[in-house]
Amino acid sequence: MITAASIESRPASAGRTGRLSKATTFLLLSSIVVSFLAGSIAPTPVYALYQAAWGFTPITTTVVFAVYALAVLASLLIAGSVSDHVGRRPVLLGSLLLQGIAMLVFCTAGGVSALLMARVMQGLATGAALGALGAGLLDLDRARGTVANSVAPMLGTATGGVVSGLMVQFLPAPTRLVYLAMLGAFIGQGVGVLLMAETTVPSPGALASLRPQLRLPATLRAPVLLAAPLLIAAWALAGFYGSLGPALVRTLVGTKSPLLGGLAILAFAGSGAVTVLLLRAQSARRMTLLGASWLAAGVALTLLALAAGSAATFFVGTALAGAGFGAGFQGALRTVVPLAAASERAGVLSVLFLISYLAMGLPAVAAGVRVVHGPGLVHTAWEYGAAVIVLSLMALGGAVVRRPD
């Protein structure tokens, strides 16, 4: 994932001597990206158990999901570049500590308030860490770091969903074991961070860096308007899969299996990761065209699957939509960010993240309200899917009329 910090990162000319090699440090930072995003999606297969035990509605499920997205956004905007000034290691250690506390809160949760608290802590830790991780990977190897920043978050989401689903379905203590496993991973990674060398030279200005940068020059307003429908469509769909996707799969298949929900997330995020990796050399315009097309086609296929009651078609459509998410998000970013001057990029990127994470959280909550007070889950999925298709087609039209790169 590209972050505001990574755009402005500076490789270290000198740093603390560490016990880990440069290659091992690169793998460590990549693994932290994967584990943080895996941890963010790990509660999703457990939501049905919470709902059955505590009797809350799908509105609550979507709110619990949305507060995470909003906390990530707030943390990215406020702390996304602080590691440039205090170093990568302190930010990562603090984020890992906060993630560990969140896992303990999940393990002892006795109600919705605890879930909300844990999700907020997760979001704050993830948002702060992504800035340091994205920049740290680029410090070590700009070419490989760019690929890792794009692929690792989706890989983490994909693996987190399916591993959590497997653990919830087949292992004991389904509301605790997955969090204890994540806690163990975070502790191990914390030891690794203690042993790694600092990858940048800290600089003054840490307090000033906490001021959010939201800057959209007049020359970039048109490109952002063209990119916004695709960003909203892609991230709104991700929010739906992360909050209500497992419930929709269970309704379609007629089973309560938590694993199926994890498999849906795997199909969506996994195909997105593969797509980004395979298409990384393509132009921004081509990625936008492919992303918008695949997103619209994939959602249309999933809606047809709901009408026909076909689980196989649903998963195929989900994978196609995930490929559209991966290509579309990268295409939208690469359409806008290179047009900004170096001094403007962090602010412009923050605007794009603001659009994306609001789209991830707020429409999901609206969907939860429609499920409870409207036509129900399947009909809400149809309405939601139709909106995503319309936005994708708008983005496709914009990419068609835009001049080639």
Protein backbone atom coordinates (compact mmCIF):
# COMPACT_ATOMS: atom_id res chain seq x y z
CA MET A 1 0.00 0.00 0.00
CA ILE A 2 1.35 3.43 -0.92
CA THR A 3 1.24 5.79 2.03
CA ALA A 4 1.78 9.49 2.54
CA ALA A 5 4.93 8.67 4.44
CA SER A 6 6.28 6.45 1.69
CA ILE A 7 5.92 9.21 -0.89
CA GLU A 8 8.20 11.47 1.15
CA SER A 9 10.49 8.81 2.62
CA ARG A 10 14.24 9.23 2.64
CA PRO A 11 16.63 6.27 2.70
CA ALA A 12 18.97 6.31 5.66
CA SER A 13 22.54 7.31 5.04
CA ALA A 14 23.40 6.07 8.52
CA GLY A 15 21.53 4.28 11.24
CA ARG A 16 21.79 2.07 14.28
CA THR A 17 23.64 -1.18 13.75
CA GLY A 18 21.16 -4.06 13.94
CA ARG A 19 21.47 -7.81 14.21
CA LEU A 20 19.18 -8.48 11.25
CA SER A 21 20.40 -8.37 7.67
CA LYS A 22 18.83 -6.01 5.17
CA ALA A 23 17.05 -8.92 3.46
CA THR A 24 15.71 -10.25 6.77
CA THR A 25 14.53 -6.78 7.76
CA PHE A 26 12.69 -6.48 4.45
CA LEU A 27 10.93 -9.80 5.09
CA LEU A 28 10.13 -8.73 8.66
CA LEU A 29 8.51 -5.47 7.56
CA SER A 30 6.56 -7.27 4.84
CA SER A 31 5.35 -9.82 7.38
CA ILE A 32 4.13 -7.06 9.68
CA VAL A 33 2.06 -5.57 6.85
CA VAL A 34 0.56 -9.02 6.23
CA SER A 35 -0.16 -9.70 9.90
CA PHE A 36 -1.68 -6.26 10.57
CA LEU A 37 -4.09 -6.63 7.65
CA ALA A 38 -4.75 -10.27 8.56
CA GLY A 39 -5.59 -9.14 12.08
CA SER A 40 -7.94 -6.49 10.73
CA ILE A 41 -10.06 -9.07 8.94
CA ALA A 42 -9.70 -11.89 11.51
CA PRO A 43 -12.82 -10.85 13.50
CA THR A 44 -15.05 -11.07 10.41
CA PRO A 45 -15.69 -14.86 10.55
CA VAL A 46 -16.34 -14.49 14.30
CA TYR A 47 -19.08 -11.86 13.95
CA ALA A 48 -21.80 -14.51 13.59
CA LEU A 49 -20.80 -16.02 16.94
CA TYR A 50 -20.84 -12.62 18.62
CA GLN A 51 -24.22 -11.88 17.08
CA ALA A 52 -25.68 -15.18 18.28
CA ALA A 53 -24.28 -14.72 21.80
CA TRP A 54 -25.13 -11.06 22.28
CA GLY A 55 -28.17 -10.68 20.06
CA PHE A 56 -27.15 -7.61 18.06
CA THR A 57 -28.28 -6.75 14.53
CA PRO A 58 -26.34 -6.39 11.26
CA ILE A 59 -26.26 -2.65 11.94
CA THR A 60 -23.92 -3.32 14.86
CA THR A 61 -21.78 -5.61 12.72
CA THR A 62 -21.26 -2.87 10.15
CA VAL A 63 -20.60 -0.23 12.81
CA VAL A 64 -17.94 -2.44 14.41
CA PHE A 65 -16.36 -2.77 10.97
CA ALA A 66 -16.69 0.92 10.12
CA VAL A 67 -15.03 2.23 13.28
CA TYR A 68 -11.91 0.32 12.27
CA ALA A 69 -11.85 1.98 8.85
CA LEU A 70 -12.35 5.42 10.37
CA ALA A 71 -9.64 4.81 12.98
CA VAL A 72 -7.20 3.73 10.24
CA LEU A 73 -8.02 6.89 8.30
CA ALA A 74 -7.54 9.16 11.32
CA SER A 75 -4.26 7.49 12.21
CA LEU A 76 -2.95 7.64 8.64
CA LEU A 77 -3.77 11.34 8.38
CA ILE A 78 -2.28 12.24 11.76
CA ALA A 79 0.59 9.80 12.28
CA GLY A 80 1.27 8.56 8.76
CA SER A 81 4.54 10.50 8.38
CA VAL A 82 5.70 10.71 12.00
CA SER A 83 8.21 7.87 11.44
CA ASP A 84 10.16 10.18 9.11
CA HIS A 85 10.97 12.25 12.20
CA VAL A 86 11.23 9.79 15.09
CA GLY A 87 12.33 6.71 13.12
CA ARG A 88 10.55 3.60 11.88
CA ARG A 89 11.33 1.41 14.89
CA PRO A 90 9.62 3.46 17.63
CA VAL A 91 6.44 3.77 15.56
CA LEU A 92 6.41 0.05 14.77
CA LEU A 93 7.04 -0.95 18.38
CA GLY A 94 4.22 1.30 19.58
CA SER A 95 1.87 -0.03 16.92
CA LEU A 96 2.70 -3.66 17.73
CA LEU A 97 2.11 -2.98 21.42
CA LEU A 98 -1.27 -1.43 20.70
CA GLN A 99 -2.18 -4.35 18.43
CA GLY A 100 -1.27 -6.77 21.20
CA ILE A 101 -3.50 -4.94 23.66
CA ALA A 102 -6.32 -5.03 21.10
CA MET A 103 -5.96 -8.82 20.82
CA LEU A 104 -6.26 -9.15 24.60
CA VAL A 105 -9.40 -6.99 24.55
CA PHE A 106 -10.87 -9.27 21.88
CA CYS A 107 -10.02 -12.34 23.95
CA THR A 108 -11.84 -11.00 27.01
CA ALA A 109 -14.68 -9.22 25.20
CA GLY A 110 -18.07 -9.60 26.87
CA GLY A 111 -20.07 -7.21 24.73
CA VAL A 112 -20.20 -4.82 21.81
CA SER A 113 -18.41 -2.01 23.63
CA ALA A 114 -15.30 -4.18 23.96
CA LEU A 115 -15.42 -5.03 20.26
CA LEU A 116 -15.62 -1.35 19.39
CA MET A 117 -12.70 -0.54 21.68
CA ALA A 118 -10.57 -3.31 20.18
CA ARG A 119 -11.42 -2.28 16.63
CA VAL A 120 -10.51 1.35 17.31
CA MET A 121 -7.16 0.28 18.77
CA GLN A 122 -6.57 -1.98 15.77
CA GLY A 123 -7.31 0.87 13.39
CA LEU A 124 -5.07 3.37 15.15
CA ALA A 125 -2.20 0.86 15.29
CA THR A 126 -2.61 -0.13 11.65
CA GLY A 127 -2.82 3.41 10.33
CA ALA A 128 0.33 4.49 12.16
CA ALA A 129 2.21 1.33 11.23
CA LEU A 130 1.36 1.43 7.52
CA GLY A 131 3.12 4.76 7.14
CA ALA A 132 6.27 3.46 8.82
CA LEU A 133 6.13 0.09 7.06
CA GLY A 134 5.54 1.55 3.61
CA ALA A 135 8.39 3.99 4.04
CA GLY A 136 10.68 1.39 5.61
CA LEU A 137 10.24 -1.03 2.73
CA LEU A 138 11.11 1.75 0.27
CA ASP A 139 14.13 2.70 2.40
CA LEU A 140 15.47 -0.82 2.00
CA ASP A 141 14.66 -1.45 -1.68
CA ARG A 142 12.60 1.00 -3.71
CA ALA A 143 11.67 -1.41 -6.50
CA ARG A 144 10.81 -4.40 -4.33
CA GLY A 145 9.32 -2.12 -1.69
CA THR A 146 6.85 -0.68 -4.19
CA VAL A 147 5.66 -4.19 -5.08
CA ALA A 148 5.45 -5.23 -1.43
CA ASN A 149 3.47 -2.10 -0.53
CA SER A 150 0.92 -2.96 -3.21
CA VAL A 151 0.61 -6.72 -2.70
CA ALA A 152 1.20 -7.38 1.02
CA PRO A 153 -1.96 -5.64 2.34
CA MET A 154 -4.24 -7.68 0.06
CA LEU A 155 -2.29 -10.84 0.82
CA GLY A 156 -2.79 -10.19 4.54
CA THR A 157 -6.51 -9.63 4.10
CA ALA A 158 -6.85 -12.81 2.04
CA THR A 159 -4.92 -15.04 4.42
CA GLY A 160 -6.44 -13.50 7.54
CA GLY A 161 -9.98 -14.22 6.38
CA VAL A 162 -9.44 -17.87 5.49
CA VAL A 163 -7.14 -18.72 8.42
CA SER A 164 -9.58 -17.16 10.87
CA GLY A 165 -12.44 -19.06 9.24
CA LEU A 166 -10.55 -22.34 9.55
CA MET A 167 -9.70 -21.72 13.20
CA VAL A 168 -13.22 -20.67 14.12
CA GLN A 169 -14.78 -23.70 12.45
CA PHE A 170 -12.39 -26.47 13.38
CA LEU A 171 -10.46 -25.46 16.51
CA PRO A 172 -11.57 -24.87 20.11
CA ALA A 173 -12.19 -21.48 21.73
CA PRO A 174 -13.38 -19.84 18.48
CA THR A 175 -13.77 -16.39 20.04
CA ARG A 176 -10.26 -16.41 21.56
CA LEU A 177 -7.81 -18.70 19.78
CA VAL A 178 -7.42 -16.65 16.59
CA TYR A 179 -6.61 -13.55 18.65
CA LEU A 180 -4.09 -15.42 20.79
CA ALA A 181 -2.40 -16.65 17.61
CA MET A 182 -2.23 -13.07 16.31
CA LEU A 183 -0.88 -11.92 19.68
CA GLY A 184 1.93 -14.46 19.40
CA ALA A 185 2.77 -13.20 15.91
CA PHE A 186 2.87 -9.58 17.09
CA ILE A 187 5.15 -10.46 20.01
CA GLY A 188 7.56 -12.27 17.69
CA GLN A 189 7.56 -9.35 15.26
CA GLY A 190 8.18 -6.95 18.12
CA VAL A 191 11.34 -8.88 19.00
CA GLY A 192 12.34 -8.64 15.34
CA VAL A 193 11.85 -4.86 15.31
CA LEU A 194 14.06 -4.58 18.40
CA LEU A 195 16.80 -6.43 16.54
CA MET A 196 16.54 -4.60 13.21
CA ALA A 197 18.54 -1.55 12.21
CA GLU A 198 16.80 1.80 11.83
CA THR A 199 16.17 2.37 8.12
CA THR A 200 16.05 6.17 8.15
CA VAL A 201 17.78 9.08 9.83
CA PRO A 202 15.27 10.80 12.16
CA SER A 203 14.77 14.50 11.60
CA PRO A 204 13.14 17.37 13.50
CA GLY A 205 9.47 18.25 13.04
CA ALA A 206 7.64 15.33 14.66
CA LEU A 207 4.96 17.51 16.25
CA ALA A 208 4.40 19.49 13.06
CA SER A 209 4.01 16.23 11.12
CA LEU A 210 0.95 15.35 13.23
CA ARG A 211 -1.05 18.02 11.46
CA PRO A 212 -3.12 16.30 8.74
CA GLN A 213 -2.21 17.27 5.19
CA LEU A 214 -5.24 17.57 2.93
CA ARG A 215 -4.24 19.41 -0.21
CA LEU A 216 -5.83 19.28 -3.65
CA PRO A 217 -4.32 21.72 -6.15
CA ALA A 218 -6.71 23.12 -8.74
CA THR A 219 -4.85 21.31 -11.53
CA LEU A 220 -5.64 17.94 -9.92
CA ARG A 221 -9.35 18.43 -9.28
CA ALA A 222 -10.41 16.97 -12.61
CA PRO A 223 -8.20 13.84 -12.31
CA VAL A 224 -9.46 13.26 -8.75
CA LEU A 225 -13.07 13.63 -9.89
CA LEU A 226 -12.37 11.00 -12.55
CA ALA A 227 -10.72 8.68 -10.03
CA ALA A 228 -13.26 9.15 -7.22
CA PRO A 229 -16.08 6.92 -8.60
CA LEU A 230 -13.68 3.98 -8.93
CA LEU A 231 -12.18 4.56 -5.48
CA ILE A 232 -15.66 4.73 -3.94
CA ALA A 233 -16.91 1.66 -5.81
CA ALA A 234 -13.85 -0.45 -4.98
CA TRP A 235 -13.61 0.43 -1.31
CA ALA A 236 -17.36 0.33 -0.72
CA LEU A 237 -17.38 -3.21 -2.08
CA ALA A 238 -14.43 -4.12 0.16
CA GLY A 239 -16.38 -2.75 3.12
CA PHE A 240 -19.41 -4.84 2.24
CA TYR A 241 -17.37 -8.05 1.98
CA GLY A 242 -15.57 -7.29 5.22
CA SER A 243 -18.75 -6.70 7.21
CA LEU A 244 -21.73 -8.46 5.59
CA GLY A 245 -20.01 -10.74 3.09
CA PRO A 246 -19.89 -13.84 5.35
CA ALA A 247 -23.57 -13.46 6.24
CA LEU A 248 -24.46 -13.21 2.55
CA VAL A 249 -22.48 -16.37 1.74
CA ARG A 250 -24.16 -18.26 4.58
CA THR A 251 -27.57 -17.15 3.31
CA LEU A 252 -26.73 -18.23 -0.23
CA VAL A 253 -25.36 -21.64 0.72
CA GLY A 254 -27.76 -22.28 3.59
CA THR A 255 -25.09 -23.11 6.17
CA LYS A 256 -23.61 -21.45 9.24
CA SER A 257 -20.02 -22.35 8.34
CA PRO A 258 -17.59 -19.53 9.27
CA LEU A 259 -15.10 -20.94 6.78
CA LEU A 260 -17.23 -19.97 3.79
CA GLY A 261 -17.12 -16.33 4.81
CA GLY A 262 -13.34 -16.56 5.05
CA LEU A 263 -13.17 -18.17 1.61
CA ALA A 264 -15.18 -15.29 0.13
CA ILE A 265 -12.66 -12.82 1.56
CA LEU A 266 -9.83 -14.99 0.24
CA ALA A 267 -11.35 -14.96 -3.26
CA PHE A 268 -11.83 -11.19 -3.18
CA ALA A 269 -8.55 -10.05 -1.65
CA GLY A 270 -6.41 -12.86 -3.04
CA SER A 271 -7.40 -12.16 -6.62
CA GLY A 272 -6.74 -8.48 -5.99
CA ALA A 273 -3.20 -9.21 -4.79
CA VAL A 274 -2.45 -11.45 -7.78
CA THR A 275 -3.84 -8.85 -10.19
CA VAL A 276 -1.70 -6.05 -8.77
CA LEU A 277 1.37 -8.24 -9.00
CA LEU A 278 0.71 -9.30 -12.60
CA LEU A 279 -0.34 -5.87 -13.90
CA ARG A 280 2.20 -3.71 -12.07
CA ALA A 281 3.95 -2.80 -15.35
CA GLN A 282 0.75 -1.68 -17.08
CA SER A 283 -0.16 1.97 -17.55
CA ALA A 284 -2.46 3.74 -15.11
CA ARG A 285 -5.12 4.14 -17.81
CA ARG A 286 -5.07 0.45 -18.69
CA MET A 287 -5.31 -0.57 -15.05
CA THR A 288 -8.23 1.79 -14.59
CA LEU A 289 -10.01 0.41 -17.66
CA LEU A 290 -9.48 -3.18 -16.56
CA GLY A 291 -10.30 -2.45 -12.93
CA ALA A 292 -13.59 -0.68 -13.67
CA SER A 293 -14.62 -3.34 -16.19
CA TRP A 294 -13.81 -6.28 -13.92
CA LEU A 295 -15.39 -4.63 -10.90
CA ALA A 296 -18.69 -4.06 -12.73
CA ALA A 297 -18.66 -7.50 -14.34
CA GLY A 298 -17.73 -9.28 -11.10
CA VAL A 299 -20.48 -7.62 -9.08
CA ALA A 300 -23.01 -8.31 -11.85
CA LEU A 301 -21.99 -11.96 -11.78
CA THR A 302 -22.38 -12.19 -8.01
CA LEU A 303 -25.85 -10.66 -8.24
CA LEU A 304 -26.82 -13.19 -10.90
CA ALA A 305 -25.48 -15.91 -8.60
CA LEU A 306 -27.73 -14.68 -5.80
CA ALA A 307 -30.73 -14.84 -8.13
CA ALA A 308 -29.82 -18.34 -9.34
CA GLY A 309 -28.70 -19.62 -5.95
CA SER A 310 -25.31 -20.66 -7.34
CA ALA A 311 -22.45 -20.60 -4.82
CA ALA A 312 -19.85 -21.47 -7.47
CA THR A 313 -20.88 -18.53 -9.64
CA PHE A 314 -20.84 -16.28 -6.59
CA PHE A 315 -17.22 -17.13 -5.83
CA VAL A 316 -16.20 -16.66 -9.46
CA GLY A 317 -17.87 -13.25 -9.47
CA THR A 318 -16.22 -12.39 -6.15
CA ALA A 319 -12.77 -13.25 -7.54
CA LEU A 320 -13.42 -11.15 -10.65
CA ALA A 321 -14.62 -8.23 -8.52
CA GLY A 322 -11.50 -8.59 -6.35
CA ALA A 323 -9.32 -8.38 -9.44
CA GLY A 324 -11.21 -5.22 -10.34
CA PHE A 325 -10.57 -3.83 -6.86
CA GLY A 326 -6.83 -4.45 -7.12
CA ALA A 327 -6.41 -3.05 -10.61
CA GLY A 328 -8.85 -0.20 -10.07
CA PHE A 329 -7.32 1.06 -6.84
CA GLN A 330 -3.81 1.03 -8.26
CA GLY A 331 -5.01 2.63 -11.48
CA ALA A 332 -6.79 5.41 -9.62
CA LEU A 333 -3.75 6.18 -7.46
CA ARG A 334 -1.36 6.12 -10.38
CA THR A 335 -3.66 8.38 -12.40
CA VAL A 336 -3.50 11.15 -9.80
CA VAL A 337 -0.36 10.93 -7.63
CA PRO A 338 2.29 11.28 -10.40
CA LEU A 339 0.61 14.52 -11.53
CA ALA A 340 1.30 16.18 -8.17
CA ALA A 341 4.49 18.04 -7.42
CA ALA A 342 6.76 16.41 -4.82
CA SER A 343 5.67 18.92 -2.18
CA GLU A 344 2.00 18.23 -2.90
CA ARG A 345 1.96 14.43 -3.02
CA ALA A 346 1.43 13.70 0.66
CA GLY A 347 -1.56 16.06 0.80
CA VAL A 348 -3.07 14.72 -2.42
CA LEU A 349 -2.59 11.12 -1.30
CA SER A 350 -4.30 11.96 1.98
CA VAL A 351 -7.33 13.19 0.02
CA LEU A 352 -7.44 9.91 -1.88
CA PHE A 353 -7.21 7.91 1.36
CA LEU A 354 -9.97 10.06 2.85
CA ILE A 355 -12.26 9.17 -0.06
CA SER A 356 -11.30 5.48 0.09
CA TYR A 357 -11.69 4.83 3.81
CA LEU A 358 -14.91 6.82 4.11
CA ALA A 359 -16.23 4.72 1.22
CA MET A 360 -15.11 1.59 3.04
CA GLY A 361 -16.95 2.40 6.26
CA LEU A 362 -20.00 4.60 5.72
CA PRO A 363 -21.81 2.68 2.93
CA ALA A 364 -21.39 -0.54 4.91
CA VAL A 365 -23.21 1.02 7.86
CA ALA A 366 -25.97 2.22 5.52
CA ALA A 367 -26.23 -1.34 4.20
CA GLY A 368 -26.59 -2.64 7.76
CA VAL A 369 -29.46 -0.24 8.34
CA ARG A 370 -31.14 -1.39 5.12
CA VAL A 371 -30.75 -5.03 6.12
CA VAL A 372 -32.55 -4.43 9.43
CA HIS A 373 -35.06 -1.74 8.51
CA GLY A 374 -35.38 -2.36 4.77
CA PRO A 375 -35.80 -5.30 2.40
CA GLY A 376 -33.31 -7.68 4.06
CA LEU A 377 -29.83 -8.93 3.28
CA VAL A 378 -30.22 -10.25 -0.27
CA HIS A 379 -32.22 -7.28 -1.55
CA THR A 380 -29.76 -4.91 0.13
CA ALA A 381 -26.92 -6.72 -1.64
CA TRP A 382 -28.72 -6.09 -4.93
CA GLU A 383 -29.08 -2.38 -4.18
CA TYR A 384 -25.48 -2.12 -3.03
CA GLY A 385 -24.20 -4.04 -6.02
CA ALA A 386 -26.18 -1.90 -8.43
CA ALA A 387 -24.63 1.24 -6.93
CA VAL A 388 -21.13 -0.25 -7.28
CA ILE A 389 -21.81 -1.16 -10.92
CA VAL A 390 -23.03 2.36 -11.73
CA LEU A 391 -19.95 3.93 -10.14
CA SER A 392 -17.67 1.49 -11.95
CA LEU A 393 -19.28 2.32 -15.30
CA MET A 394 -18.87 6.02 -14.57
CA ALA A 395 -15.18 5.42 -13.93
CA LEU A 396 -14.93 3.33 -17.08
CA GLY A 397 -16.46 6.13 -19.14
CA GLY A 398 -14.06 8.64 -17.64
CA ALA A 399 -11.07 6.43 -18.45
CA VAL A 400 -12.27 5.92 -22.03
CA VAL A 401 -12.52 9.65 -22.77
CA ARG A 402 -9.27 10.50 -20.97
CA ARG A 403 -6.16 10.85 -23.10
CA PRO A 404 -3.90 7.80 -23.06
CA ASP A 405 -0.84 7.91 -20.77
